[in-house]
Amino acid sequence: MKNVIVTGTSRGIGYKLALKYANEGHNVLALSRKTAKELLEHKNITCLSVDLSNSDGLNQTEKYIKENFKYVDIVVHNAGALLLKPFAEITAEEFEYIYKVNVFGVAALNRLVLPYMQKGSHVVTISSMGGIQGSMKFAGLSAYSSSKGAVITLSELLAEEYKEQGVSFNVLALGAVNTEMLQEAFPGYEAPLKPEEMADYIYEFSLTGNKFYNGKVLQVSSTTP
């Protein structure tokens, strides 16, 4: 039984992933601005409605970990914000918001949880194929895709910095999954994978992937986009 933190659990992959861990008997701390009713009612899930880009949300999270978990085995950085807009029309505030959610929130949560992580712990960051250098890029996603590239490099660096402590950092760069976020970026496009299918893959990888990988980026994509 693991102590697991999952971010972005109000819908899509994060929602399905939190339920997967809980149904398999793990203790789950679900972090999201909005809270899904089914997660609230599950005995193995604690939901905190927090914003990880500000100190209040981080303080609430650390208080829970300190008083209840004591230690953390797995973190899945799944929360993400997407903006579909021509680069010239994106305001500085909009660009900064995407980075606050997709990059700064990931960095802040890592900084918070690392003192509670022991040898064998695993941090999995969910990125995007759009963040992979040399991959196909799509107009209008400059803020989103560049932020997803930033967390890839961050994870590679942290893997090196914490390898002596036995904490592993890996990235899953996802392709198309039929989520609400995908529909926002590519209206009308039907992806071949369902959120629960990708949640199952992430679940297994989070439990065993650190035996085989550290500081690596795995491209989990069968289609373009």
C-alpha atoms as a PDB file:
ATOM      1  CA  MET A   1       0.000   0.000   0.000  1.00  0.00           C
ATOM      2  CA  LYS A   2       1.492   3.308  -1.162  1.00  0.00           C
ATOM      3  CA  ASN A   3       0.924   6.921  -0.196  1.00  0.00           C
ATOM      4  CA  VAL A   4       0.199   8.658  -3.499  1.00  0.00           C
ATOM      5  CA  ILE A   5      -0.324  12.280  -4.527  1.00  0.00           C
ATOM      6  CA  VAL A   6      -2.120  13.002  -7.794  1.00  0.00           C
ATOM      7  CA  THR A   7      -2.739  16.516  -9.114  1.00  0.00           C
ATOM      8  CA  GLY A   8      -5.418  17.604 -11.557  1.00  0.00           C
ATOM      9  CA  THR A   9      -8.026  15.115 -10.386  1.00  0.00           C
ATOM     10  CA  SER A  10     -11.246  16.969 -11.210  1.00  0.00           C
ATOM     11  CA  ARG A  11     -11.637  15.308 -14.618  1.00  0.00           C
ATOM     12  CA  GLY A  12     -10.023  13.199 -17.316  1.00  0.00           C
ATOM     13  CA  ILE A  13      -6.898  11.169 -16.681  1.00  0.00           C
ATOM     14  CA  GLY A  14      -6.269  12.520 -13.174  1.00  0.00           C
ATOM     15  CA  TYR A  15      -9.771  11.620 -12.040  1.00  0.00           C
ATOM     16  CA  LYS A  16      -9.518   8.077 -13.404  1.00  0.00           C
ATOM     17  CA  LEU A  17      -6.001   7.690 -11.994  1.00  0.00           C
ATOM     18  CA  ALA A  18      -6.984   8.714  -8.467  1.00  0.00           C
ATOM     19  CA  LEU A  19      -9.807   6.155  -8.546  1.00  0.00           C
ATOM     20  CA  LYS A  20      -7.457   3.462  -9.874  1.00  0.00           C
ATOM     21  CA  TYR A  21      -5.002   3.908  -7.005  1.00  0.00           C
ATOM     22  CA  ALA A  22      -7.788   4.035  -4.437  1.00  0.00           C
ATOM     23  CA  ASN A  23      -9.594   0.984  -5.789  1.00  0.00           C
ATOM     24  CA  GLU A  24      -6.319  -0.947  -5.630  1.00  0.00           C
ATOM     25  CA  GLY A  25      -6.003  -0.098  -1.933  1.00  0.00           C
ATOM     26  CA  HIS A  26      -3.528   2.781  -1.983  1.00  0.00           C
ATOM     27  CA  ASN A  27      -3.892   5.987   0.037  1.00  0.00           C
ATOM     28  CA  VAL A  28      -4.528   8.911  -2.302  1.00  0.00           C
ATOM     29  CA  LEU A  29      -4.221  12.647  -1.779  1.00  0.00           C
ATOM     30  CA  ALA A  30      -6.097  14.211  -4.708  1.00  0.00           C
ATOM     31  CA  LEU A  31      -5.144  17.826  -5.374  1.00  0.00           C
ATOM     32  CA  SER A  32      -7.320  19.917  -7.672  1.00  0.00           C
ATOM     33  CA  ARG A  33      -9.097  23.246  -7.687  1.00  0.00           C
ATOM     34  CA  LYS A  34     -12.415  21.487  -8.256  1.00  0.00           C
ATOM     35  CA  THR A  35     -13.376  18.270  -6.513  1.00  0.00           C
ATOM     36  CA  ALA A  36     -15.246  15.366  -8.075  1.00  0.00           C
ATOM     37  CA  LYS A  37     -18.055  13.875  -5.950  1.00  0.00           C
ATOM     38  CA  GLU A  38     -17.001  10.254  -6.490  1.00  0.00           C
ATOM     39  CA  LEU A  39     -13.503  10.997  -5.204  1.00  0.00           C
ATOM     40  CA  LEU A  40     -14.845  12.711  -2.100  1.00  0.00           C
ATOM     41  CA  GLU A  41     -16.913   9.647  -1.247  1.00  0.00           C
ATOM     42  CA  HIS A  42     -14.077   7.112  -1.625  1.00  0.00           C
ATOM     43  CA  LYS A  43     -12.626   5.876   1.670  1.00  0.00           C
ATOM     44  CA  ASN A  44      -9.076   5.765   0.328  1.00  0.00           C
ATOM     45  CA  ILE A  45      -9.069   9.286  -1.123  1.00  0.00           C
ATOM     46  CA  THR A  46      -8.617  12.647   0.559  1.00  0.00           C
ATOM     47  CA  CYS A  47      -9.414  15.613  -1.661  1.00  0.00           C
ATOM     48  CA  LEU A  48      -7.923  19.039  -1.132  1.00  0.00           C
ATOM     49  CA  SER A  49      -9.242  21.923  -3.202  1.00  0.00           C
ATOM     50  CA  VAL A  50      -6.014  23.853  -3.608  1.00  0.00           C
ATOM     51  CA  ASP A  51      -4.079  26.062  -6.006  1.00  0.00           C
ATOM     52  CA  LEU A  52      -0.463  24.875  -6.011  1.00  0.00           C
ATOM     53  CA  SER A  53       0.717  28.157  -7.507  1.00  0.00           C
ATOM     54  CA  ASN A  54       0.179  29.978  -4.216  1.00  0.00           C
ATOM     55  CA  SER A  55       1.455  29.521  -0.672  1.00  0.00           C
ATOM     56  CA  ASP A  56      -1.961  28.780   0.875  1.00  0.00           C
ATOM     57  CA  GLY A  57      -2.465  25.717  -1.315  1.00  0.00           C
ATOM     58  CA  LEU A  58       1.054  24.480  -0.624  1.00  0.00           C
ATOM     59  CA  ASN A  59       0.675  24.992   3.125  1.00  0.00           C
ATOM     60  CA  GLN A  60      -2.582  22.999   3.180  1.00  0.00           C
ATOM     61  CA  THR A  61      -0.901  20.208   1.264  1.00  0.00           C
ATOM     62  CA  GLU A  62       2.127  20.036   3.529  1.00  0.00           C
ATOM     63  CA  LYS A  63      -0.050  20.116   6.645  1.00  0.00           C
ATOM     64  CA  TYR A  64      -1.947  17.061   5.405  1.00  0.00           C
ATOM     65  CA  ILE A  65       1.220  15.156   4.496  1.00  0.00           C
ATOM     66  CA  LYS A  66       2.846  15.914   7.838  1.00  0.00           C
ATOM     67  CA  GLU A  67      -0.201  14.945   9.900  1.00  0.00           C
ATOM     68  CA  ASN A  68      -1.456  11.958   7.901  1.00  0.00           C
ATOM     69  CA  PHE A  69       0.943  10.491   5.339  1.00  0.00           C
ATOM     70  CA  LYS A  70       4.272  11.069   7.144  1.00  0.00           C
ATOM     71  CA  TYR A  71       5.960   9.954   3.910  1.00  0.00           C
ATOM     72  CA  VAL A  72       5.150   9.967   0.177  1.00  0.00           C
ATOM     73  CA  ASP A  73       5.841   7.074  -2.211  1.00  0.00           C
ATOM     74  CA  ILE A  74       4.504   8.379  -5.516  1.00  0.00           C
ATOM     75  CA  VAL A  75       3.717  11.800  -6.960  1.00  0.00           C
ATOM     76  CA  VAL A  76       1.971  12.154 -10.309  1.00  0.00           C
ATOM     77  CA  HIS A  77       2.043  15.696 -11.676  1.00  0.00           C
ATOM     78  CA  ASN A  78      -1.017  15.533 -13.892  1.00  0.00           C
ATOM     79  CA  ALA A  79      -2.508  19.033 -13.476  1.00  0.00           C
ATOM     80  CA  GLY A  80      -2.319  21.145 -16.582  1.00  0.00           C
ATOM     81  CA  ALA A  81      -3.680  24.311 -18.144  1.00  0.00           C
ATOM     82  CA  LEU A  82      -4.088  24.779 -21.877  1.00  0.00           C
ATOM     83  CA  LEU A  83      -4.414  27.909 -23.980  1.00  0.00           C
ATOM     84  CA  LEU A  84      -5.271  27.748 -27.684  1.00  0.00           C
ATOM     85  CA  LYS A  85      -4.521  31.196 -29.065  1.00  0.00           C
ATOM     86  CA  PRO A  86      -2.247  32.810 -31.662  1.00  0.00           C
ATOM     87  CA  PHE A  87       1.056  33.842 -30.080  1.00  0.00           C
ATOM     88  CA  ALA A  88       0.633  37.536 -30.959  1.00  0.00           C
ATOM     89  CA  GLU A  89      -2.702  37.632 -29.117  1.00  0.00           C
ATOM     90  CA  ILE A  90      -1.529  35.996 -25.887  1.00  0.00           C
ATOM     91  CA  THR A  91      -1.147  38.485 -23.058  1.00  0.00           C
ATOM     92  CA  ALA A  92       1.767  38.357 -20.642  1.00  0.00           C
ATOM     93  CA  GLU A  93      -0.682  37.432 -17.899  1.00  0.00           C
ATOM     94  CA  GLU A  94      -2.068  34.508 -19.906  1.00  0.00           C
ATOM     95  CA  PHE A  95       1.383  33.188 -20.742  1.00  0.00           C
ATOM     96  CA  GLU A  96       2.429  33.476 -17.100  1.00  0.00           C
ATOM     97  CA  TYR A  97      -0.707  31.647 -15.932  1.00  0.00           C
ATOM     98  CA  ILE A  98       0.058  28.628 -18.130  1.00  0.00           C
ATOM     99  CA  TYR A  99       3.562  28.469 -16.681  1.00  0.00           C
ATOM    100  CA  LYS A 100       2.266  28.904 -13.128  1.00  0.00           C
ATOM    101  CA  VAL A 101       0.116  25.802 -13.479  1.00  0.00           C
ATOM    102  CA  ASN A 102       2.279  23.650 -15.760  1.00  0.00           C
ATOM    103  CA  VAL A 103       5.772  24.502 -14.492  1.00  0.00           C
ATOM    104  CA  PHE A 104       5.884  26.533 -11.280  1.00  0.00           C
ATOM    105  CA  GLY A 105       3.227  24.385  -9.582  1.00  0.00           C
ATOM    106  CA  VAL A 106       5.202  21.231 -10.436  1.00  0.00           C
ATOM    107  CA  ALA A 107       8.415  22.747  -9.077  1.00  0.00           C
ATOM    108  CA  ALA A 108       6.713  23.958  -5.901  1.00  0.00           C
ATOM    109  CA  LEU A 109       5.098  20.603  -5.139  1.00  0.00           C
ATOM    110  CA  ASN A 110       8.394  18.809  -5.753  1.00  0.00           C
ATOM    111  CA  ARG A 111      10.137  21.148  -3.334  1.00  0.00           C
ATOM    112  CA  LEU A 112       7.439  20.477  -0.742  1.00  0.00           C
ATOM    113  CA  VAL A 113       7.277  16.680  -0.969  1.00  0.00           C
ATOM    114  CA  LEU A 114      10.952  15.770  -1.393  1.00  0.00           C
ATOM    115  CA  PRO A 115      11.697  15.857   2.369  1.00  0.00           C
ATOM    116  CA  TYR A 116       8.961  13.213   2.768  1.00  0.00           C
ATOM    117  CA  MET A 117      10.229  10.917   0.007  1.00  0.00           C
ATOM    118  CA  GLN A 118      12.445   7.932   0.750  1.00  0.00           C
ATOM    119  CA  LYS A 119      14.648   5.667  -1.314  1.00  0.00           C
ATOM    120  CA  GLY A 120      12.519   3.986  -3.975  1.00  0.00           C
ATOM    121  CA  SER A 121      10.042   6.855  -4.303  1.00  0.00           C
ATOM    122  CA  HIS A 122       8.920   7.905  -7.775  1.00  0.00           C
ATOM    123  CA  VAL A 123       7.923  11.282  -9.190  1.00  0.00           C
ATOM    124  CA  VAL A 124       6.094  11.049 -12.523  1.00  0.00           C
ATOM    125  CA  THR A 125       5.432  14.208 -14.501  1.00  0.00           C
ATOM    126  CA  ILE A 126       2.807  14.108 -17.218  1.00  0.00           C
ATOM    127  CA  SER A 127       4.033  16.134 -20.172  1.00  0.00           C
ATOM    128  CA  SER A 128       2.942  16.225 -23.805  1.00  0.00           C
ATOM    129  CA  MET A 129       4.318  15.248 -27.170  1.00  0.00           C
ATOM    130  CA  GLY A 130       4.122  18.960 -27.893  1.00  0.00           C
ATOM    131  CA  GLY A 131       6.955  19.473 -25.411  1.00  0.00           C
ATOM    132  CA  ILE A 132       9.315  17.053 -27.169  1.00  0.00           C
ATOM    133  CA  GLN A 133      12.016  18.686 -29.265  1.00  0.00           C
ATOM    134  CA  GLY A 134      11.603  17.765 -32.916  1.00  0.00           C
ATOM    135  CA  SER A 135       8.009  16.597 -32.566  1.00  0.00           C
ATOM    136  CA  MET A 136       5.189  17.989 -34.679  1.00  0.00           C
ATOM    137  CA  LYS A 137       3.996  21.327 -33.321  1.00  0.00           C
ATOM    138  CA  PHE A 138       0.554  22.926 -33.625  1.00  0.00           C
ATOM    139  CA  ALA A 139      -0.212  26.621 -34.072  1.00  0.00           C
ATOM    140  CA  GLY A 140      -1.861  28.280 -31.092  1.00  0.00           C
ATOM    141  CA  LEU A 141      -0.197  26.097 -28.467  1.00  0.00           C
ATOM    142  CA  SER A 142       2.975  28.123 -27.896  1.00  0.00           C
ATOM    143  CA  ALA A 143       2.411  28.659 -24.160  1.00  0.00           C
ATOM    144  CA  TYR A 144       1.184  25.129 -23.471  1.00  0.00           C
ATOM    145  CA  SER A 145       3.769  23.180 -25.472  1.00  0.00           C
ATOM    146  CA  SER A 146       6.727  25.281 -24.345  1.00  0.00           C
ATOM    147  CA  SER A 147       5.678  24.823 -20.714  1.00  0.00           C
ATOM    148  CA  LYS A 148       5.505  21.064 -21.241  1.00  0.00           C
ATOM    149  CA  GLY A 149       9.038  21.194 -22.602  1.00  0.00           C
ATOM    150  CA  ALA A 150      10.167  23.055 -19.478  1.00  0.00           C
ATOM    151  CA  VAL A 151       8.972  20.350 -17.072  1.00  0.00           C
ATOM    152  CA  ILE A 152      10.809  17.711 -19.089  1.00  0.00           C
ATOM    153  CA  THR A 153      14.126  19.483 -18.514  1.00  0.00           C
ATOM    154  CA  LEU A 154      13.249  20.129 -14.862  1.00  0.00           C
ATOM    155  CA  SER A 155      12.619  16.420 -14.282  1.00  0.00           C
ATOM    156  CA  GLU A 156      15.895  15.445 -15.966  1.00  0.00           C
ATOM    157  CA  LEU A 157      17.784  17.816 -13.696  1.00  0.00           C
ATOM    158  CA  LEU A 158      16.049  16.665 -10.507  1.00  0.00           C
ATOM    159  CA  ALA A 159      16.757  13.026 -11.369  1.00  0.00           C
ATOM    160  CA  GLU A 160      20.449  13.877 -11.352  1.00  0.00           C
ATOM    161  CA  GLU A 161      20.237  15.994  -8.226  1.00  0.00           C
ATOM    162  CA  TYR A 162      18.388  13.385  -6.143  1.00  0.00           C
ATOM    163  CA  LYS A 163      19.834  10.136  -7.500  1.00  0.00           C
ATOM    164  CA  GLU A 164      21.975   9.594  -4.389  1.00  0.00           C
ATOM    165  CA  GLN A 165      18.820   9.743  -2.258  1.00  0.00           C
ATOM    166  CA  GLY A 166      17.151   7.108  -4.420  1.00  0.00           C
ATOM    167  CA  VAL A 167      14.240   9.289  -5.548  1.00  0.00           C
ATOM    168  CA  SER A 168      13.463   8.781  -9.249  1.00  0.00           C
ATOM    169  CA  PHE A 169      12.036  11.362 -11.649  1.00  0.00           C
ATOM    170  CA  ASN A 170      10.548  10.370 -14.987  1.00  0.00           C
ATOM    171  CA  VAL A 171       8.319  12.004 -17.590  1.00  0.00           C
ATOM    172  CA  LEU A 172       5.537  10.548 -19.693  1.00  0.00           C
ATOM    173  CA  ALA A 173       5.002  12.678 -22.797  1.00  0.00           C
ATOM    174  CA  LEU A 174       1.459  11.810 -23.796  1.00  0.00           C
ATOM    175  CA  GLY A 175      -0.027  11.870 -27.241  1.00  0.00           C
ATOM    176  CA  ALA A 176      -3.734  12.142 -27.934  1.00  0.00           C
ATOM    177  CA  VAL A 177      -6.124  10.914 -25.238  1.00  0.00           C
ATOM    178  CA  ASN A 178      -9.844  11.581 -25.574  1.00  0.00           C
ATOM    179  CA  THR A 179     -10.147  14.095 -22.730  1.00  0.00           C
ATOM    180  CA  GLU A 180     -11.892  17.430 -22.339  1.00  0.00           C
ATOM    181  CA  MET A 181      -8.509  19.138 -22.682  1.00  0.00           C
ATOM    182  CA  LEU A 182      -7.883  17.442 -26.029  1.00  0.00           C
ATOM    183  CA  GLN A 183     -11.271  18.645 -27.272  1.00  0.00           C
ATOM    184  CA  GLU A 184     -10.351  22.185 -26.253  1.00  0.00           C
ATOM    185  CA  ALA A 185      -7.175  21.998 -28.360  1.00  0.00           C
ATOM    186  CA  PHE A 186      -8.524  19.946 -31.278  1.00  0.00           C
ATOM    187  CA  PRO A 187     -12.327  20.327 -31.404  1.00  0.00           C
ATOM    188  CA  GLY A 188     -14.010  17.354 -33.013  1.00  0.00           C
ATOM    189  CA  TYR A 189     -10.935  15.121 -33.035  1.00  0.00           C
ATOM    190  CA  GLU A 190     -11.556  11.645 -31.625  1.00  0.00           C
ATOM    191  CA  ALA A 191      -8.458  10.166 -30.012  1.00  0.00           C
ATOM    192  CA  PRO A 192      -8.042   6.379 -29.972  1.00  0.00           C
ATOM    193  CA  LEU A 193      -7.333   6.193 -26.241  1.00  0.00           C
ATOM    194  CA  LYS A 194      -9.779   6.733 -23.379  1.00  0.00           C
ATOM    195  CA  PRO A 195      -8.720   8.485 -20.146  1.00  0.00           C
ATOM    196  CA  GLU A 196      -9.111   5.278 -18.136  1.00  0.00           C
ATOM    197  CA  GLU A 197      -6.795   3.415 -20.519  1.00  0.00           C
ATOM    198  CA  MET A 198      -4.056   6.002 -20.088  1.00  0.00           C
ATOM    199  CA  ALA A 199      -4.692   6.068 -16.331  1.00  0.00           C
ATOM    200  CA  ASP A 200      -4.048   2.324 -16.208  1.00  0.00           C
ATOM    201  CA  TYR A 201      -0.747   2.800 -18.054  1.00  0.00           C
ATOM    202  CA  ILE A 202       0.379   5.626 -15.748  1.00  0.00           C
ATOM    203  CA  TYR A 203      -0.626   3.597 -12.703  1.00  0.00           C
ATOM    204  CA  GLU A 204       1.579   0.666 -13.675  1.00  0.00           C
ATOM    205  CA  PHE A 205       4.466   2.912 -14.701  1.00  0.00           C
ATOM    206  CA  SER A 206       4.395   4.822 -11.423  1.00  0.00           C
ATOM    207  CA  LEU A 207       4.685   1.584  -9.450  1.00  0.00           C
ATOM    208  CA  THR A 208       7.403  -0.126 -11.491  1.00  0.00           C
ATOM    209  CA  GLY A 209       8.921   2.334 -13.976  1.00  0.00           C
ATOM    210  CA  ASN A 210      11.538   3.624 -11.545  1.00  0.00           C
ATOM    211  CA  LYS A 211      13.132   0.165 -11.496  1.00  0.00           C
ATOM    212  CA  PHE A 212      14.055   0.629 -15.140  1.00  0.00           C
ATOM    213  CA  TYR A 213      14.185   4.394 -15.720  1.00  0.00           C
ATOM    214  CA  ASN A 214      15.403   7.563 -14.024  1.00  0.00           C
ATOM    215  CA  GLY A 215      15.642  10.976 -15.609  1.00  0.00           C
ATOM    216  CA  LYS A 216      13.985   9.660 -18.752  1.00  0.00           C
ATOM    217  CA  VAL A 217      11.230  10.890 -21.048  1.00  0.00           C
ATOM    218  CA  LEU A 218       8.965   8.207 -22.482  1.00  0.00           C
ATOM    219  CA  GLN A 219       6.869   9.133 -25.491  1.00  0.00           C
ATOM    220  CA  VAL A 220       3.464   7.539 -24.952  1.00  0.00           C
ATOM    221  CA  SER A 221       1.824   8.211 -28.265  1.00  0.00           C
ATOM    222  CA  SER A 222       0.350   6.136 -31.069  1.00  0.00           C
ATOM    223  CA  THR A 223      -1.088   8.970 -33.158  1.00  0.00           C
ATOM    224  CA  THR A 224      -0.516  12.573 -34.223  1.00  0.00           C
ATOM    225  CA  PRO A 225      -1.832  14.684 -32.630  1.00  0.00           C
END
